[in-house]
Every structure is written in structure tokens, then in C-alpha cells.
PDB file of N, CA and C in Angstrom:
ATOM      1  N   MET A   1     -12.711  62.433 -19.694  1.00  0.00           N
ATOM      2  CA  MET A   1     -13.589  61.319 -19.554  1.00  0.00           C
ATOM      3  C   MET A   1     -14.901  61.975 -19.291  1.00  0.00           C
ATOM      4  N   GLU A   2     -15.675  61.994 -20.239  1.00  0.00           N
ATOM      5  CA  GLU A   2     -17.008  62.566 -20.152  1.00  0.00           C
ATOM      6  C   GLU A   2     -18.026  61.526 -20.161  1.00  0.00           C
ATOM      7  N   LYS A   3     -18.922  61.437 -19.194  1.00  0.00           N
ATOM      8  CA  LYS A   3     -19.883  60.472 -19.111  1.00  0.00           C
ATOM      9  C   LYS A   3     -21.161  60.878 -19.757  1.00  0.00           C
ATOM     10  N   ARG A   4     -21.858  60.147 -20.417  1.00  0.00           N
ATOM     11  CA  ARG A   4     -23.157  60.448 -21.130  1.00  0.00           C
ATOM     12  C   ARG A   4     -24.261  60.240 -20.023  1.00  0.00           C
ATOM     13  N   LYS A   5     -25.389  60.687 -20.473  1.00  0.00           N
ATOM     14  CA  LYS A   5     -26.550  60.613 -19.519  1.00  0.00           C
ATOM     15  C   LYS A   5     -26.873  59.227 -19.169  1.00  0.00           C
ATOM     16  N   ASN A   6     -26.746  58.279 -20.121  1.00  0.00           N
ATOM     17  CA  ASN A   6     -27.183  56.911 -19.852  1.00  0.00           C
ATOM     18  C   ASN A   6     -26.090  56.109 -18.949  1.00  0.00           C
ATOM     19  N   GLY A   7     -24.982  56.769 -18.716  1.00  0.00           N
ATOM     20  CA  GLY A   7     -24.028  56.154 -17.905  1.00  0.00           C
ATOM     21  C   GLY A   7     -22.994  55.343 -18.505  1.00  0.00           C
ATOM     22  N   SER A   8     -23.012  55.226 -19.898  1.00  0.00           N
ATOM     23  CA  SER A   8     -21.973  54.503 -20.559  1.00  0.00           C
ATOM     24  C   SER A   8     -20.743  55.238 -20.755  1.00  0.00           C
ATOM     25  N   ASN A   9     -19.754  54.646 -20.820  1.00  0.00           N
ATOM     26  CA  ASN A   9     -18.383  55.319 -20.977  1.00  0.00           C
ATOM     27  C   ASN A   9     -17.761  54.860 -22.271  1.00  0.00           C
ATOM     28  N   ASN A  10     -17.380  55.766 -23.245  1.00  0.00           N
ATOM     29  CA  ASN A  10     -16.774  55.423 -24.494  1.00  0.00           C
ATOM     30  C   ASN A  10     -15.450  54.769 -24.239  1.00  0.00           C
ATOM     31  N   ASN A  11     -14.655  55.305 -23.308  1.00  0.00           N
ATOM     32  CA  ASN A  11     -13.356  54.696 -23.008  1.00  0.00           C
ATOM     33  C   ASN A  11     -13.369  53.252 -22.539  1.00  0.00           C
ATOM     34  N   THR A  12     -14.457  52.935 -21.774  1.00  0.00           N
ATOM     35  CA  THR A  12     -14.632  51.516 -21.279  1.00  0.00           C
ATOM     36  C   THR A  12     -14.942  50.603 -22.530  1.00  0.00           C
ATOM     37  N   VAL A  13     -15.715  51.064 -23.349  1.00  0.00           N
ATOM     38  CA  VAL A  13     -16.061  50.271 -24.633  1.00  0.00           C
ATOM     39  C   VAL A  13     -14.860  50.098 -25.422  1.00  0.00           C
ATOM     40  N   ALA A  14     -14.074  51.191 -25.597  1.00  0.00           N
ATOM     41  CA  ALA A  14     -12.854  51.200 -26.402  1.00  0.00           C
ATOM     42  C   ALA A  14     -11.789  50.232 -25.749  1.00  0.00           C
ATOM     43  N   ASN A  15     -11.654  50.357 -24.448  1.00  0.00           N
ATOM     44  CA  ASN A  15     -10.625  49.379 -23.786  1.00  0.00           C
ATOM     45  C   ASN A  15     -11.136  47.888 -23.906  1.00  0.00           C
ATOM     46  N   VAL A  16     -12.427  47.630 -23.865  1.00  0.00           N
ATOM     47  CA  VAL A  16     -12.879  46.307 -24.029  1.00  0.00           C
ATOM     48  C   VAL A  16     -12.656  45.715 -25.451  1.00  0.00           C
ATOM     49  N   LEU A  17     -12.893  46.670 -26.448  1.00  0.00           N
ATOM     50  CA  LEU A  17     -12.622  46.261 -27.842  1.00  0.00           C
ATOM     51  C   LEU A  17     -11.040  46.008 -28.049  1.00  0.00           C
ATOM     52  N   ILE A  18     -10.345  46.955 -27.498  1.00  0.00           N
ATOM     53  CA  ILE A  18      -8.840  46.736 -27.712  1.00  0.00           C
ATOM     54  C   ILE A  18      -8.372  45.409 -26.975  1.00  0.00           C
ATOM     55  N   GLY A  19      -8.875  45.113 -25.831  1.00  0.00           N
ATOM     56  CA  GLY A  19      -8.497  43.998 -25.208  1.00  0.00           C
ATOM     57  C   GLY A  19      -8.941  42.707 -25.880  1.00  0.00           C
ATOM     58  N   LEU A  20     -10.182  42.829 -26.473  1.00  0.00           N
ATOM     59  CA  LEU A  20     -10.612  41.687 -27.252  1.00  0.00           C
ATOM     60  C   LEU A  20      -9.772  41.424 -28.478  1.00  0.00           C
ATOM     61  N   GLY A  21      -9.323  42.636 -29.168  1.00  0.00           N
ATOM     62  CA  GLY A  21      -8.461  42.402 -30.346  1.00  0.00           C
ATOM     63  C   GLY A  21      -7.161  41.850 -30.054  1.00  0.00           C
ATOM     64  N   ILE A  22      -6.554  42.329 -28.834  1.00  0.00           N
ATOM     65  CA  ILE A  22      -5.235  41.848 -28.501  1.00  0.00           C
ATOM     66  C   ILE A  22      -5.379  40.311 -28.161  1.00  0.00           C
ATOM     67  N   LEU A  23      -6.425  39.953 -27.379  1.00  0.00           N
ATOM     68  CA  LEU A  23      -6.563  38.551 -27.101  1.00  0.00           C
ATOM     69  C   LEU A  23      -6.786  37.683 -28.314  1.00  0.00           C
ATOM     70  N   TRP A  24      -7.540  38.268 -29.252  1.00  0.00           N
ATOM     71  CA  TRP A  24      -7.768  37.494 -30.587  1.00  0.00           C
ATOM     72  C   TRP A  24      -6.377  37.286 -31.292  1.00  0.00           C
ATOM     73  N   LEU A  25      -5.674  38.360 -31.335  1.00  0.00           N
ATOM     74  CA  LEU A  25      -4.238  38.240 -31.948  1.00  0.00           C
ATOM     75  C   LEU A  25      -3.359  37.261 -31.166  1.00  0.00           C
ATOM     76  N   VAL A  26      -3.414  37.315 -29.923  1.00  0.00           N
ATOM     77  CA  VAL A  26      -2.604  36.284 -29.122  1.00  0.00           C
ATOM     78  C   VAL A  26      -3.088  34.856 -29.260  1.00  0.00           C
ATOM     79  N   LEU A  27      -4.319  34.693 -29.328  1.00  0.00           N
ATOM     80  CA  LEU A  27      -4.827  33.362 -29.611  1.00  0.00           C
ATOM     81  C   LEU A  27      -4.501  32.814 -31.030  1.00  0.00           C
ATOM     82  N   ASN A  28      -4.505  33.794 -31.990  1.00  0.00           N
ATOM     83  CA  ASN A  28      -4.157  33.314 -33.391  1.00  0.00           C
ATOM     84  C   ASN A  28      -2.715  33.045 -33.553  1.00  0.00           C
ATOM     85  N   THR A  29      -1.882  33.662 -32.721  1.00  0.00           N
ATOM     86  CA  THR A  29      -0.404  33.471 -32.904  1.00  0.00           C
ATOM     87  C   THR A  29       0.054  32.175 -32.249  1.00  0.00           C
ATOM     88  N   GLY A  30      -0.720  31.618 -31.374  1.00  0.00           N
ATOM     89  CA  GLY A  30      -0.305  30.321 -30.679  1.00  0.00           C
ATOM     90  C   GLY A  30       0.555  30.585 -29.480  1.00  0.00           C
ATOM     91  N   ILE A  31       0.910  31.811 -29.142  1.00  0.00           N
ATOM     92  CA  ILE A  31       1.713  32.025 -27.887  1.00  0.00           C
ATOM     93  C   ILE A  31       0.938  31.550 -26.694  1.00  0.00           C
ATOM     94  N   LEU A  32      -0.313  31.724 -26.614  1.00  0.00           N
ATOM     95  CA  LEU A  32      -1.127  31.300 -25.490  1.00  0.00           C
ATOM     96  C   LEU A  32      -1.061  29.827 -25.407  1.00  0.00           C
ATOM     97  N   ASP A  33      -1.086  29.128 -26.469  1.00  0.00           N
ATOM     98  CA  ASP A  33      -1.020  27.659 -26.533  1.00  0.00           C
ATOM     99  C   ASP A  33       0.344  27.198 -25.856  1.00  0.00           C
ATOM    100  N   VAL A  34       1.353  27.874 -26.313  1.00  0.00           N
ATOM    101  CA  VAL A  34       2.659  27.612 -25.681  1.00  0.00           C
ATOM    102  C   VAL A  34       2.610  27.769 -24.143  1.00  0.00           C
ATOM    103  N   VAL A  35       2.090  28.973 -23.688  1.00  0.00           N
ATOM    104  CA  VAL A  35       2.015  29.322 -22.302  1.00  0.00           C
ATOM    105  C   VAL A  35       1.357  28.241 -21.537  1.00  0.00           C
ATOM    106  N   PHE A  36       0.049  27.999 -22.058  1.00  0.00           N
ATOM    107  CA  PHE A  36      -0.881  26.977 -21.393  1.00  0.00           C
ATOM    108  C   PHE A  36      -0.239  25.694 -21.486  1.00  0.00           C
ATOM    109  N   GLY A  37       0.419  25.345 -22.567  1.00  0.00           N
ATOM    110  CA  GLY A  37       1.168  23.971 -22.748  1.00  0.00           C
ATOM    111  C   GLY A  37       2.219  23.817 -21.605  1.00  0.00           C
ATOM    112  N   LEU A  38       3.026  24.867 -21.454  1.00  0.00           N
ATOM    113  CA  LEU A  38       4.082  24.759 -20.485  1.00  0.00           C
ATOM    114  C   LEU A  38       3.560  24.685 -19.101  1.00  0.00           C
ATOM    115  N   VAL A  39       2.496  25.499 -18.788  1.00  0.00           N
ATOM    116  CA  VAL A  39       1.950  25.525 -17.401  1.00  0.00           C
ATOM    117  C   VAL A  39       1.308  24.103 -17.102  1.00  0.00           C
ATOM    118  N   PHE A  40       0.495  23.710 -18.031  1.00  0.00           N
ATOM    119  CA  PHE A  40      -0.157  22.393 -17.724  1.00  0.00           C
ATOM    120  C   PHE A  40       0.852  21.236 -17.921  1.00  0.00           C
ATOM    121  N   GLY A  41       1.794  21.426 -18.688  1.00  0.00           N
ATOM    122  CA  GLY A  41       2.915  20.340 -18.654  1.00  0.00           C
ATOM    123  C   GLY A  41       3.627  20.332 -17.448  1.00  0.00           C
ATOM    124  N   VAL A  42       3.966  21.426 -16.859  1.00  0.00           N
ATOM    125  CA  VAL A  42       4.607  21.414 -15.507  1.00  0.00           C
ATOM    126  C   VAL A  42       3.720  20.814 -14.449  1.00  0.00           C
ATOM    127  N   ILE A  43       2.394  21.243 -14.578  1.00  0.00           N
ATOM    128  CA  ILE A  43       1.547  20.661 -13.490  1.00  0.00           C
ATOM    129  C   ILE A  43       1.399  19.161 -13.728  1.00  0.00           C
ATOM    130  N   GLY A  44       1.289  18.682 -14.967  1.00  0.00           N
ATOM    131  CA  GLY A  44       1.203  17.277 -15.213  1.00  0.00           C
ATOM    132  C   GLY A  44       2.513  16.607 -14.746  1.00  0.00           C
ATOM    133  N   ALA A  45       3.616  17.177 -14.998  1.00  0.00           N
ATOM    134  CA  ALA A  45       4.925  16.453 -14.581  1.00  0.00           C
ATOM    135  C   ALA A  45       4.906  16.472 -13.030  1.00  0.00           C
ATOM    136  N   VAL A  46       4.593  17.490 -12.399  1.00  0.00           N
ATOM    137  CA  VAL A  46       4.550  17.465 -10.979  1.00  0.00           C
ATOM    138  C   VAL A  46       3.623  16.311 -10.412  1.00  0.00           C
ATOM    139  N   PHE A  47       2.454  16.305 -10.946  1.00  0.00           N
ATOM    140  CA  PHE A  47       1.462  15.210 -10.480  1.00  0.00           C
ATOM    141  C   PHE A  47       2.019  13.803 -10.969  1.00  0.00           C
ATOM    142  N   GLY A  48       2.727  13.850 -12.021  1.00  0.00           N
ATOM    143  CA  GLY A  48       3.352  12.499 -12.404  1.00  0.00           C
ATOM    144  C   GLY A  48       4.437  12.172 -11.452  1.00  0.00           C
ATOM    145  N   VAL A  49       5.200  12.997 -11.060  1.00  0.00           N
ATOM    146  CA  VAL A  49       6.320  12.610 -10.071  1.00  0.00           C
ATOM    147  C   VAL A  49       5.674  12.264  -8.718  1.00  0.00           C
ATOM    148  N   ILE A  50       4.592  13.071  -8.276  1.00  0.00           N
ATOM    149  CA  ILE A  50       3.963  12.698  -7.123  1.00  0.00           C
ATOM    150  C   ILE A  50       3.330  11.346  -7.066  1.00  0.00           C
ATOM    151  N   GLY A  51       2.688  11.114  -8.236  1.00  0.00           N
ATOM    152  CA  GLY A  51       2.030   9.803  -8.380  1.00  0.00           C
ATOM    153  C   GLY A  51       3.031   8.644  -8.484  1.00  0.00           C
ATOM    154  N   GLY A  52       4.204   8.885  -9.067  1.00  0.00           N
ATOM    155  CA  GLY A  52       5.298   7.907  -9.067  1.00  0.00           C
ATOM    156  C   GLY A  52       5.742   7.621  -7.733  1.00  0.00           C
ATOM    157  N   LEU A  53       6.042   8.657  -6.957  1.00  0.00           N
ATOM    158  CA  LEU A  53       6.474   8.554  -5.478  1.00  0.00           C
ATOM    159  C   LEU A  53       5.466   7.811  -4.670  1.00  0.00           C
ATOM    160  N   ILE A  54       4.136   8.196  -4.923  1.00  0.00           N
ATOM    161  CA  ILE A  54       3.215   7.486  -4.128  1.00  0.00           C
ATOM    162  C   ILE A  54       3.127   6.014  -4.392  1.00  0.00           C
ATOM    163  N   GLY A  55       3.284   5.723  -5.800  1.00  0.00           N
ATOM    164  CA  GLY A  55       3.260   4.401  -6.276  1.00  0.00           C
ATOM    165  C   GLY A  55       4.510   3.627  -5.642  1.00  0.00           C
ATOM    166  N   ILE A  56       5.629   4.275  -5.657  1.00  0.00           N
ATOM    167  CA  ILE A  56       6.833   3.638  -4.991  1.00  0.00           C
ATOM    168  C   ILE A  56       6.630   3.351  -3.531  1.00  0.00           C
ATOM    169  N   VAL A  57       6.069   4.369  -2.819  1.00  0.00           N
ATOM    170  CA  VAL A  57       5.847   4.201  -1.317  1.00  0.00           C
ATOM    171  C   VAL A  57       4.843   3.036  -1.174  1.00  0.00           C
ATOM    172  N   PHE A  58       3.739   3.080  -1.936  1.00  0.00           N
ATOM    173  CA  PHE A  58       2.705   1.998  -1.635  1.00  0.00           C
ATOM    174  C   PHE A  58       3.241   0.620  -2.160  1.00  0.00           C
ATOM    175  N   GLY A  59       4.064   0.702  -3.111  1.00  0.00           N
ATOM    176  CA  GLY A  59       4.711  -0.519  -3.567  1.00  0.00           C
ATOM    177  C   GLY A  59       5.618  -1.131  -2.634  1.00  0.00           C
ATOM    178  N   ALA A  60       6.409  -0.178  -1.895  1.00  0.00           N
ATOM    179  CA  ALA A  60       7.302  -0.662  -0.924  1.00  0.00           C
ATOM    180  C   ALA A  60       6.594  -1.066   0.271  1.00  0.00           C
ATOM    181  N   ILE A  61       5.503  -0.410   0.701  1.00  0.00           N
ATOM    182  CA  ILE A  61       4.774  -0.851   1.854  1.00  0.00           C
ATOM    183  C   ILE A  61       4.040  -2.180   1.456  1.00  0.00           C
ATOM    184  N   GLY A  62       3.602  -2.353   0.320  1.00  0.00           N
ATOM    185  CA  GLY A  62       2.899  -3.685  -0.120  1.00  0.00           C
ATOM    186  C   GLY A  62       3.919  -4.787  -0.037  1.00  0.00           C
ATOM    187  N   THR A  63       5.154  -4.463  -0.516  1.00  0.00           N
ATOM    188  CA  THR A  63       6.293  -5.498  -0.485  1.00  0.00           C
ATOM    189  C   THR A  63       6.562  -5.897   0.946  1.00  0.00           C
ATOM    190  N   LEU A  64       6.742  -4.848   1.846  1.00  0.00           N
ATOM    191  CA  LEU A  64       7.019  -5.120   3.189  1.00  0.00           C
ATOM    192  C   LEU A  64       5.937  -5.956   3.871  1.00  0.00           C
ATOM    193  N   ILE A  65       4.764  -5.572   3.631  1.00  0.00           N
ATOM    194  CA  ILE A  65       3.693  -6.320   4.243  1.00  0.00           C
ATOM    195  C   ILE A  65       3.587  -7.774   3.644  1.00  0.00           C
ATOM    196  N   GLY A  66       3.882  -7.875   2.366  1.00  0.00           N
ATOM    197  CA  GLY A  66       3.973  -9.201   1.774  1.00  0.00           C
ATOM    198  C   GLY A  66       5.085 -10.101   2.431  1.00  0.00           C
ATOM    199  N   VAL A  67       6.193  -9.502   2.622  1.00  0.00           N
ATOM    200  CA  VAL A  67       7.253 -10.239   3.230  1.00  0.00           C
ATOM    201  C   VAL A  67       6.994 -10.599   4.588  1.00  0.00           C
ATOM    202  N   VAL A  68       6.409  -9.722   5.429  1.00  0.00           N
ATOM    203  CA  VAL A  68       6.075  -9.919   6.815  1.00  0.00           C
ATOM    204  C   VAL A  68       5.043 -11.140   6.921  1.00  0.00           C
ATOM    205  N   PHE A  69       4.081 -10.996   6.137  1.00  0.00           N
ATOM    206  CA  PHE A  69       3.070 -12.028   6.124  1.00  0.00           C
ATOM    207  C   PHE A  69       3.447 -13.260   5.554  1.00  0.00           C
ATOM    208  N   GLY A  70       4.288 -13.190   4.640  1.00  0.00           N
ATOM    209  CA  GLY A  70       4.959 -14.476   3.986  1.00  0.00           C
ATOM    210  C   GLY A  70       5.780 -15.073   5.023  1.00  0.00           C
ATOM    211  N   THR A  71       6.601 -14.370   5.768  1.00  0.00           N
ATOM    212  CA  THR A  71       7.401 -14.968   6.749  1.00  0.00           C
ATOM    213  C   THR A  71       6.597 -15.470   7.950  1.00  0.00           C
ATOM    214  N   PHE A  72       5.677 -14.719   8.291  1.00  0.00           N
ATOM    215  CA  PHE A  72       4.642 -15.264   9.303  1.00  0.00           C
ATOM    216  C   PHE A  72       4.017 -16.492   8.932  1.00  0.00           C
ATOM    217  N   GLY A  73       3.583 -16.611   7.695  1.00  0.00           N
ATOM    218  CA  GLY A  73       2.931 -17.752   7.243  1.00  0.00           C
ATOM    219  C   GLY A  73       3.912 -18.936   7.193  1.00  0.00           C
ATOM    220  N   ALA A  74       5.194 -18.692   6.768  1.00  0.00           N
ATOM    221  CA  ALA A  74       6.108 -19.801   6.799  1.00  0.00           C
ATOM    222  C   ALA A  74       6.440 -20.257   8.111  1.00  0.00           C
ATOM    223  N   VAL A  75       6.517 -19.423   9.128  1.00  0.00           N
ATOM    224  CA  VAL A  75       6.792 -19.798  10.442  1.00  0.00           C
ATOM    225  C   VAL A  75       5.634 -20.485  11.084  1.00  0.00           C
ATOM    226  N   MET A  76       4.454 -20.007  10.768  1.00  0.00           N
ATOM    227  CA  MET A  76       3.283 -20.754  11.293  1.00  0.00           C
ATOM    228  C   MET A  76       3.144 -22.186  10.601  1.00  0.00           C
ATOM    229  N   GLY A  77       3.452 -22.222   9.325  1.00  0.00           N
ATOM    230  CA  GLY A  77       3.521 -23.510   8.601  1.00  0.00           C
ATOM    231  C   GLY A  77       4.463 -24.465   9.237  1.00  0.00           C
ATOM    232  N   ILE A  78       5.698 -23.928   9.515  1.00  0.00           N
ATOM    233  CA  ILE A  78       6.682 -24.786  10.174  1.00  0.00           C
ATOM    234  C   ILE A  78       6.207 -25.185  11.543  1.00  0.00           C
ATOM    235  N   PHE A  79       5.717 -24.287  12.340  1.00  0.00           N
ATOM    236  CA  PHE A  79       5.270 -24.582  13.753  1.00  0.00           C
ATOM    237  C   PHE A  79       4.136 -25.669  13.718  1.00  0.00           C
ATOM    238  N   PHE A  80       3.079 -25.408  12.876  1.00  0.00           N
ATOM    239  CA  PHE A  80       1.897 -26.289  12.917  1.00  0.00           C
ATOM    240  C   PHE A  80       2.266 -27.510  12.121  1.00  0.00           C
ATOM    241  N   GLY A  81       3.165 -27.513  11.141  1.00  0.00           N
ATOM    242  CA  GLY A  81       3.688 -28.623  10.480  1.00  0.00           C
ATOM    243  C   GLY A  81       4.453 -29.617  11.405  1.00  0.00           C
ATOM    244  N   SER A  82       5.283 -29.015  12.286  1.00  0.00           N
ATOM    245  CA  SER A  82       6.027 -29.704  13.249  1.00  0.00           C
ATOM    246  C   SER A  82       5.148 -30.298  14.191  1.00  0.00           C
ATOM    247  N   ILE A  83       4.125 -29.558  14.639  1.00  0.00           N
ATOM    248  CA  ILE A  83       3.193 -30.127  15.657  1.00  0.00           C
ATOM    249  C   ILE A  83       2.491 -31.319  15.004  1.00  0.00           C
ATOM    250  N   MET A  84       2.162 -31.294  13.647  1.00  0.00           N
ATOM    251  CA  MET A  84       1.526 -32.405  13.010  1.00  0.00           C
ATOM    252  C   MET A  84       2.487 -33.638  12.938  1.00  0.00           C
ATOM    253  N   LEU A  85       3.822 -33.357  12.943  1.00  0.00           N
ATOM    254  CA  LEU A  85       4.818 -34.369  12.987  1.00  0.00           C
ATOM    255  C   LEU A  85       5.065 -34.883  14.325  1.00  0.00           C
ATOM    256  N   TRP A  86       5.109 -33.969  15.296  1.00  0.00           N
ATOM    257  CA  TRP A  86       5.616 -34.388  16.557  1.00  0.00           C
ATOM    258  C   TRP A  86       4.473 -34.909  17.412  1.00  0.00           C
ATOM    259  N   LEU A  87       3.268 -34.482  17.159  1.00  0.00           N
ATOM    260  CA  LEU A  87       2.153 -34.815  18.107  1.00  0.00           C
ATOM    261  C   LEU A  87       1.822 -36.273  17.964  1.00  0.00           C
ATOM    262  N   PRO A  88       1.812 -36.878  16.794  1.00  0.00           N
ATOM    263  CA  PRO A  88       1.668 -38.324  16.763  1.00  0.00           C
ATOM    264  C   PRO A  88       2.808 -39.079  17.365  1.00  0.00           C
ATOM    265  N   LEU A  89       3.961 -38.560  17.133  1.00  0.00           N
ATOM    266  CA  LEU A  89       5.110 -39.279  17.825  1.00  0.00           C
ATOM    267  C   LEU A  89       5.087 -39.074  19.312  1.00  0.00           C
ATOM    268  N   LEU A  90       4.675 -37.905  19.833  1.00  0.00           N
ATOM    269  CA  LEU A  90       4.556 -37.705  21.192  1.00  0.00           C
ATOM    270  C   LEU A  90       3.524 -38.676  21.781  1.00  0.00           C
ATOM    271  N   LEU A  91       2.363 -38.786  21.153  1.00  0.00           N
ATOM    272  CA  LEU A  91       1.325 -39.756  21.532  1.00  0.00           C
ATOM    273  C   LEU A  91       1.929 -41.174  21.595  1.00  0.00           C
ATOM    274  N   ILE A  92       2.658 -41.473  20.606  1.00  0.00           N
ATOM    275  CA  ILE A  92       3.266 -42.935  20.617  1.00  0.00           C
ATOM    276  C   ILE A  92       4.197 -43.139  21.754  1.00  0.00           C
ATOM    277  N   VAL A  93       5.077 -42.057  21.983  1.00  0.00           N
ATOM    278  CA  VAL A  93       6.045 -42.212  23.109  1.00  0.00           C
ATOM    279  C   VAL A  93       5.248 -42.193  24.449  1.00  0.00           C
ATOM    280  N   ILE A  94       4.244 -41.378  24.663  1.00  0.00           N
ATOM    281  CA  ILE A  94       3.483 -41.477  25.910  1.00  0.00           C
ATOM    282  C   ILE A  94       2.816 -42.787  26.037  1.00  0.00           C
ATOM    283  N   GLY A  95       2.378 -43.299  24.867  1.00  0.00           N
ATOM    284  CA  GLY A  95       1.678 -44.627  25.006  1.00  0.00           C
ATOM    285  C   GLY A  95       2.738 -45.683  25.342  1.00  0.00           C
ATOM    286  N   VAL A  96       3.855 -45.666  24.816  1.00  0.00           N
ATOM    287  CA  VAL A  96       4.952 -46.594  25.130  1.00  0.00           C
ATOM    288  C   VAL A  96       5.352 -46.553  26.538  1.00  0.00           C
ATOM    289  N   LYS A  97       5.520 -45.304  27.023  1.00  0.00           N
ATOM    290  CA  LYS A  97       5.952 -45.066  28.432  1.00  0.00           C
ATOM    291  C   LYS A  97       4.816 -45.533  29.391  1.00  0.00           C
ATOM    292  N   LEU A  98       3.514 -45.311  29.026  1.00  0.00           N
ATOM    293  CA  LEU A  98       2.487 -45.841  29.930  1.00  0.00           C
ATOM    294  C   LEU A  98       2.540 -47.425  29.929  1.00  0.00           C
ATOM    295  N   LEU A  99       2.766 -48.000  28.757  1.00  0.00           N
ATOM    296  CA  LEU A  99       2.860 -49.412  28.795  1.00  0.00           C
ATOM    297  C   LEU A  99       4.045 -50.005  29.612  1.00  0.00           C
ATOM    298  N   SER A 100       5.084 -49.276  29.416  1.00  0.00           N
ATOM    299  CA  SER A 100       6.293 -49.762  30.134  1.00  0.00           C
ATOM    300  C   SER A 100       6.175 -49.562  31.603  1.00  0.00           C
ATOM    301  N   SER A 101       5.537 -48.512  32.022  1.00  0.00           N
ATOM    302  CA  SER A 101       5.346 -48.254  33.402  1.00  0.00           C
ATOM    303  C   SER A 101       4.403 -49.352  33.988  1.00  0.00           C
ATOM    304  N   LYS A 102       3.328 -49.650  33.253  1.00  0.00           N
ATOM    305  CA  LYS A 102       2.440 -50.636  33.624  1.00  0.00           C
ATOM    306  C   LYS A 102       3.156 -52.006  33.856  1.00  0.00           C
ATOM    307  N   ASN A 103       4.023 -52.354  32.896  1.00  0.00           N
ATOM    308  CA  ASN A 103       4.751 -53.607  32.986  1.00  0.00           C
ATOM    309  C   ASN A 103       5.662 -53.543  34.246  1.00  0.00           C
ATOM    310  N   SER A 104       6.306 -52.371  34.512  1.00  0.00           N
ATOM    311  CA  SER A 104       7.146 -52.331  35.684  1.00  0.00           C
ATOM    312  C   SER A 104       6.411 -52.418  36.972  1.00  0.00           C
ATOM    313  N   ASP A 105       5.208 -51.767  36.925  1.00  0.00           N
ATOM    314  CA  ASP A 105       4.392 -51.865  38.137  1.00  0.00           C
ATOM    315  C   ASP A 105       3.971 -53.338  38.362  1.00  0.00           C
ATOM    316  N   GLU A 106       3.674 -54.092  37.298  1.00  0.00           N
ATOM    317  CA  GLU A 106       3.286 -55.486  37.441  1.00  0.00           C
ATOM    318  C   GLU A 106       4.546 -56.281  37.910  1.00  0.00           C
ATOM    319  N   LYS A 107       5.652 -55.950  37.453  1.00  0.00           N
ATOM    320  CA  LYS A 107       6.870 -56.640  37.910  1.00  0.00           C
ATOM    321  C   LYS A 107       7.158 -56.279  39.371  1.00  0.00           C
ATOM    322  N   ARG A 108       6.834 -55.142  39.791  1.00  0.00           N
ATOM    323  CA  ARG A 108       7.117 -54.779  41.221  1.00  0.00           C
ATOM    324  C   ARG A 108       6.010 -55.541  42.050  1.00  0.00           C
ATOM    325  N   LYS A 109       4.850 -55.762  41.624  1.00  0.00           N
ATOM    326  CA  LYS A 109       3.813 -56.385  42.356  1.00  0.00           C
ATOM    327  C   LYS A 109       4.205 -57.819  42.634  1.00  0.00           C
ATOM    328  N   ASN A 110       4.812 -58.414  41.557  1.00  0.00           N
ATOM    329  CA  ASN A 110       5.168 -59.835  41.619  1.00  0.00           C
ATOM    330  C   ASN A 110       6.610 -60.026  42.255  1.00  0.00           C
ATOM    331  N   ASP A 111       7.240 -58.913  42.553  1.00  0.00           N
ATOM    332  CA  ASP A 111       8.560 -59.102  43.021  1.00  0.00           C
ATOM    333  C   ASP A 111       8.701 -58.962  44.500  1.00  0.00           C
ATOM    334  N   PHE A 112       8.922 -60.112  45.136  1.00  0.00           N
ATOM    335  CA  PHE A 112       8.935 -60.181  46.627  1.00  0.00           C
ATOM    336  C   PHE A 112      10.368 -60.508  47.021  1.00  0.00           C
ATOM    337  N   THR A 113      10.651 -59.780  48.022  1.00  0.00           N
ATOM    338  CA  THR A 113      12.124 -60.135  48.595  1.00  0.00           C
ATOM    339  C   THR A 113      11.869 -60.985  49.827  1.00  0.00           C
ATOM    340  N   VAL A 114      12.615 -62.025  50.025  1.00  0.00           N
ATOM    341  CA  VAL A 114      12.391 -62.963  51.155  1.00  0.00           C
ATOM    342  C   VAL A 114      13.391 -62.366  52.134  1.00  0.00           C
ATOM    343  N   VAL A 115      12.797 -62.138  53.322  1.00  0.00           N
ATOM    344  CA  VAL A 115      13.576 -61.583  54.417  1.00  0.00           C
ATOM    345  C   VAL A 115      13.906 -62.732  55.386  1.00  0.00           C
TER     346      VAL A 115
END
């Protein structure tokens, strides 16, 4: 390995040329396409599986949240719906009780026992 005065090395140039020639041949044969296809195919499959699992997880979480809020909404609907049913009835019952107690008070006022 003899270096010339300008510092260039013939072996380095030869190695670069041989490497470029081999790379050219590999690119022309399509082997590199197969290797890259396999590598990126595996990477794509892994990300596809991860994306599917994330989709399943978030789908399950969304379904669970939907069920919880749906149940909560149904319970609140039943609760407030029953209030809307029972509140007027309760007011009517309270009104009837007040009227009946008023009548009984009047009866007591007019009720005298002779001793």
C-alpha cells in the first residue's frame, strides 16, 4: 500500500469502484427489493397488528363508556321521569291532606261535649 504524494490511495478507489459495481449488480438482480420488501413488510405487519390492537382497545373502552353513560342516562331518565310523575301526585295528595285536616279542625271546633 503505497501512498502517493497527493494523499490518494489506489486501493481505496478500487474498493469504492468494486463496491459500487457489486451494489449495481445487487440492485439489478432484485434481491435488494426482496430484502427491503420483507423488512418493510414485517414492519408494516407489526404496525398493523399494533394499530389493530389499539383499535380494539379504544373500541372496547368506547363501548364501555357508552354502556356506562347509557345506563346512567337511563337511570337518570327513570329517576327524573318518576319525579315528574310522582311530584304532581304528591302535590295533589298533600293538598287533599291539608283540605281534610282543615275540615277535621273545623269539625273539632264545632264539636262540643256536654258535661
